């Protein structure tokens, strides 16, 4: 699946919001800086609460039981955000579309751009790429952009590796038990 830079950036911000959403004003500032959300002027405490609400709604989209339910949730977010498509060329990228009004509050910005990125996946028949980590103690969200849709963990170096090491150790213990039982 090929997606443009801004759609990938919006998906990354949705995943980051779901997995480590800002809990206070300082974290929200860091989040907007990390994701290059530059249209936001002054952040206030009410923005933290609004972003938490958007986070919860994105979570419902990831966990939707059907494509129809996900589409309904996306449509609600886009409509409430007052999405206004704007052509933009910046940071060395050719013309592309942003889906929020200039000067929009950070929650509206995230809702519009993130929901439209999720909408593109849904329209392309790729909703199954919205996943939760298979590690039993994790559950983080991620978007599987691998060619063969085989990604199972939010991060192969942490969750995936931890489970592979645990499985290896369990096999070794089983082999050692079998060996010690055979030598008795």
Protein backbone atom coordinates (compact mmCIF):
# COMPACT_ATOMS: atom_id res chain seq x y z
CA UNK A 1 0.00 0.00 0.00
CA UNK A 2 1.35 3.38 -0.94
CA UNK A 3 0.34 6.42 1.07
CA UNK A 4 1.57 9.98 0.89
CA UNK A 5 3.73 11.69 3.50
CA UNK A 6 0.93 13.64 5.20
CA UNK A 7 -1.36 10.62 5.48
CA UNK A 8 1.50 8.64 7.04
CA UNK A 9 2.23 11.54 9.41
CA UNK A 10 -1.44 11.73 10.41
CA UNK A 11 -1.57 7.97 11.01
CA UNK A 12 1.60 8.22 13.10
CA UNK A 13 0.05 10.96 15.22
CA UNK A 14 -3.13 8.90 15.73
CA UNK A 15 -1.10 5.88 16.85
CA UNK A 16 1.08 8.02 19.13
CA UNK A 17 -2.03 9.64 20.58
CA UNK A 18 -3.59 6.23 21.26
CA UNK A 19 -0.47 4.74 22.81
CA UNK A 20 0.90 7.65 24.79
CA UNK A 21 -1.68 10.38 24.74
CA UNK A 22 -0.80 13.63 26.48
CA UNK A 23 -2.03 13.79 30.07
CA UNK A 24 -1.16 17.41 30.78
CA UNK A 25 -0.32 20.66 29.04
CA UNK A 26 3.44 20.03 28.89
CA UNK A 27 2.91 16.61 27.30
CA UNK A 28 0.43 18.13 24.82
CA UNK A 29 3.00 20.77 23.84
CA UNK A 30 5.62 18.06 23.34
CA UNK A 31 3.13 16.01 21.29
CA UNK A 32 2.32 18.93 18.96
CA UNK A 33 6.03 19.67 18.51
CA UNK A 34 6.88 16.01 17.89
CA UNK A 35 4.22 15.79 15.19
CA UNK A 36 4.81 19.20 13.66
CA UNK A 37 1.36 20.53 14.44
CA UNK A 38 2.32 24.12 13.84
CA UNK A 39 -1.10 25.66 13.22
CA UNK A 40 -1.84 25.53 16.91
CA UNK A 41 -1.18 28.85 18.56
CA UNK A 42 -1.88 28.82 22.29
CA UNK A 43 -2.57 25.60 24.13
CA UNK A 44 -4.82 25.61 27.17
CA UNK A 45 -5.93 23.08 29.77
CA UNK A 46 -9.20 22.61 27.91
CA UNK A 47 -7.18 21.44 24.91
CA UNK A 48 -5.82 18.55 26.98
CA UNK A 49 -9.35 17.37 27.78
CA UNK A 50 -10.47 17.79 24.17
CA UNK A 51 -7.47 15.80 22.89
CA UNK A 52 -8.20 13.04 25.43
CA UNK A 53 -11.73 12.85 24.04
CA UNK A 54 -10.40 12.57 20.48
CA UNK A 55 -8.00 9.87 21.67
CA UNK A 56 -10.87 7.82 23.05
CA UNK A 57 -12.80 8.22 19.80
CA UNK A 58 -9.83 7.08 17.71
CA UNK A 59 -9.62 4.05 19.99
CA UNK A 60 -13.24 3.20 19.16
CA UNK A 61 -12.39 3.38 15.45
CA UNK A 62 -9.46 0.97 15.89
CA UNK A 63 -11.66 -1.39 17.90
CA UNK A 64 -14.78 -1.11 15.72
CA UNK A 65 -16.51 -4.44 15.12
CA UNK A 66 -17.26 -3.66 11.48
CA UNK A 67 -16.22 -1.39 8.64
CA UNK A 68 -19.66 0.23 8.77
CA UNK A 69 -19.18 1.12 12.43
CA UNK A 70 -15.69 2.49 11.73
CA UNK A 71 -17.06 4.56 8.83
CA UNK A 72 -19.81 6.00 11.03
CA UNK A 73 -17.30 6.96 13.74
CA UNK A 74 -14.94 8.53 11.19
CA UNK A 75 -17.80 10.50 9.60
CA UNK A 76 -18.83 11.84 13.01
CA UNK A 77 -15.27 12.98 13.79
CA UNK A 78 -14.81 14.68 10.42
CA UNK A 79 -18.19 16.45 10.62
CA UNK A 80 -17.63 17.69 14.18
CA UNK A 81 -14.10 18.88 13.40
CA UNK A 82 -15.41 21.27 10.73
CA UNK A 83 -13.00 19.86 8.19
CA UNK A 84 -11.96 22.34 5.53
CA UNK A 85 -9.66 20.87 2.88
CA UNK A 86 -6.72 23.18 2.17
CA UNK A 87 -4.09 22.76 -0.55
CA UNK A 88 -0.60 23.16 0.86
CA UNK A 89 3.01 22.83 -0.28
CA UNK A 90 5.59 22.92 2.50
CA UNK A 91 8.75 21.34 3.88
CA UNK A 92 9.87 20.19 0.45
CA UNK A 93 6.66 18.28 -0.31
CA UNK A 94 4.66 19.04 -3.42
CA UNK A 95 1.01 20.09 -3.31
CA UNK A 96 -1.16 18.04 -1.04
CA UNK A 97 -4.32 18.45 1.01
CA UNK A 98 -4.62 19.22 4.72
CA UNK A 99 -8.02 18.59 6.25
CA UNK A 100 -8.43 21.20 8.94
CA UNK A 101 -9.10 24.88 9.02
CA UNK A 102 -6.15 27.19 9.67
CA UNK A 103 -6.22 28.22 13.31
CA UNK A 104 -8.23 25.15 14.33
CA UNK A 105 -7.88 23.95 17.90
CA UNK A 106 -5.43 21.09 18.35
CA UNK A 107 -8.22 18.54 18.96
CA UNK A 108 -10.02 19.62 15.77
CA UNK A 109 -6.72 19.45 13.90
CA UNK A 110 -6.03 15.92 15.13
CA UNK A 111 -9.62 14.80 14.57
CA UNK A 112 -9.77 16.09 11.01
CA UNK A 113 -6.34 15.00 9.77
CA UNK A 114 -6.38 11.69 11.66
CA UNK A 115 -9.93 10.78 10.69
CA UNK A 116 -9.25 11.55 7.03
CA UNK A 117 -6.12 9.38 7.09
CA UNK A 118 -8.16 6.56 8.63
CA UNK A 119 -10.87 7.19 6.01
CA UNK A 120 -8.32 6.69 3.22
CA UNK A 121 -7.41 3.29 4.66
CA UNK A 122 -11.05 2.32 4.98
CA UNK A 123 -11.91 3.43 1.42
CA UNK A 124 -8.92 1.49 0.07
CA UNK A 125 -10.25 -1.67 1.75
CA UNK A 126 -7.35 -1.62 4.21
CA UNK A 127 -9.15 -1.29 7.57
CA UNK A 128 -7.60 -4.59 8.66
CA UNK A 129 -4.27 -2.74 8.84
CA UNK A 130 -5.53 -0.98 11.99
CA UNK A 131 -4.36 -3.31 14.70
CA UNK A 132 -3.64 -3.80 18.37
CA UNK A 133 -0.41 -5.45 19.52
CA UNK A 134 -0.67 -9.24 19.99
CA UNK A 135 1.53 -9.18 23.07
CA UNK A 136 -0.77 -10.21 25.95
CA UNK A 137 0.39 -7.40 28.23
CA UNK A 138 0.49 -4.61 25.63
CA UNK A 139 -2.50 -3.79 23.43
CA UNK A 140 -0.89 -0.71 21.84
CA UNK A 141 -2.33 0.42 18.53
CA UNK A 142 -0.40 0.38 15.28
CA UNK A 143 -0.98 0.58 11.53
CA UNK A 144 0.48 -2.41 9.70
CA UNK A 145 2.00 -0.97 6.55
CA UNK A 146 4.03 -4.09 5.76
CA UNK A 147 3.59 -5.50 2.25
CA UNK A 148 2.15 -8.80 3.34
CA UNK A 149 0.19 -7.48 6.33
CA UNK A 150 2.09 -9.76 8.67
CA UNK A 151 2.97 -7.41 11.51
CA UNK A 152 1.64 -8.63 14.86
CA UNK A 153 3.39 -6.42 17.40
CA UNK A 154 3.51 -2.68 17.97
CA UNK A 155 7.30 -2.93 18.07
CA UNK A 156 9.19 -6.04 17.03
CA UNK A 157 12.22 -5.01 19.08
CA UNK A 158 10.27 -4.88 22.31
CA UNK A 159 6.98 -6.80 22.34
CA UNK A 160 7.83 -9.18 19.52
CA UNK A 161 11.34 -9.92 20.74
CA UNK A 162 10.18 -10.35 24.33
CA UNK A 163 7.61 -12.97 23.28
CA UNK A 164 10.06 -14.77 21.00
CA UNK A 165 12.63 -14.94 23.81
CA UNK A 166 9.99 -16.22 26.24
CA UNK A 167 8.92 -18.91 23.75
CA UNK A 168 12.56 -19.90 23.18
CA UNK A 169 13.18 -20.20 26.92
CA UNK A 170 10.03 -22.27 27.37
CA UNK A 171 11.17 -24.63 24.59
CA UNK A 172 14.60 -24.91 26.23
CA UNK A 173 13.04 -25.69 29.62
CA UNK A 174 10.88 -28.32 27.96
CA UNK A 175 13.88 -29.86 26.22
CA UNK A 176 15.91 -29.83 29.44
CA UNK A 177 13.02 -31.49 31.32
CA UNK A 178 12.76 -34.15 28.63
CA UNK A 179 16.52 -34.73 28.73
CA UNK A 180 16.63 -35.02 32.53
CA UNK A 181 13.60 -37.33 32.53
CA UNK A 182 15.21 -39.59 29.92
CA UNK A 183 18.45 -39.94 31.89
CA UNK A 184 16.76 -41.09 35.12
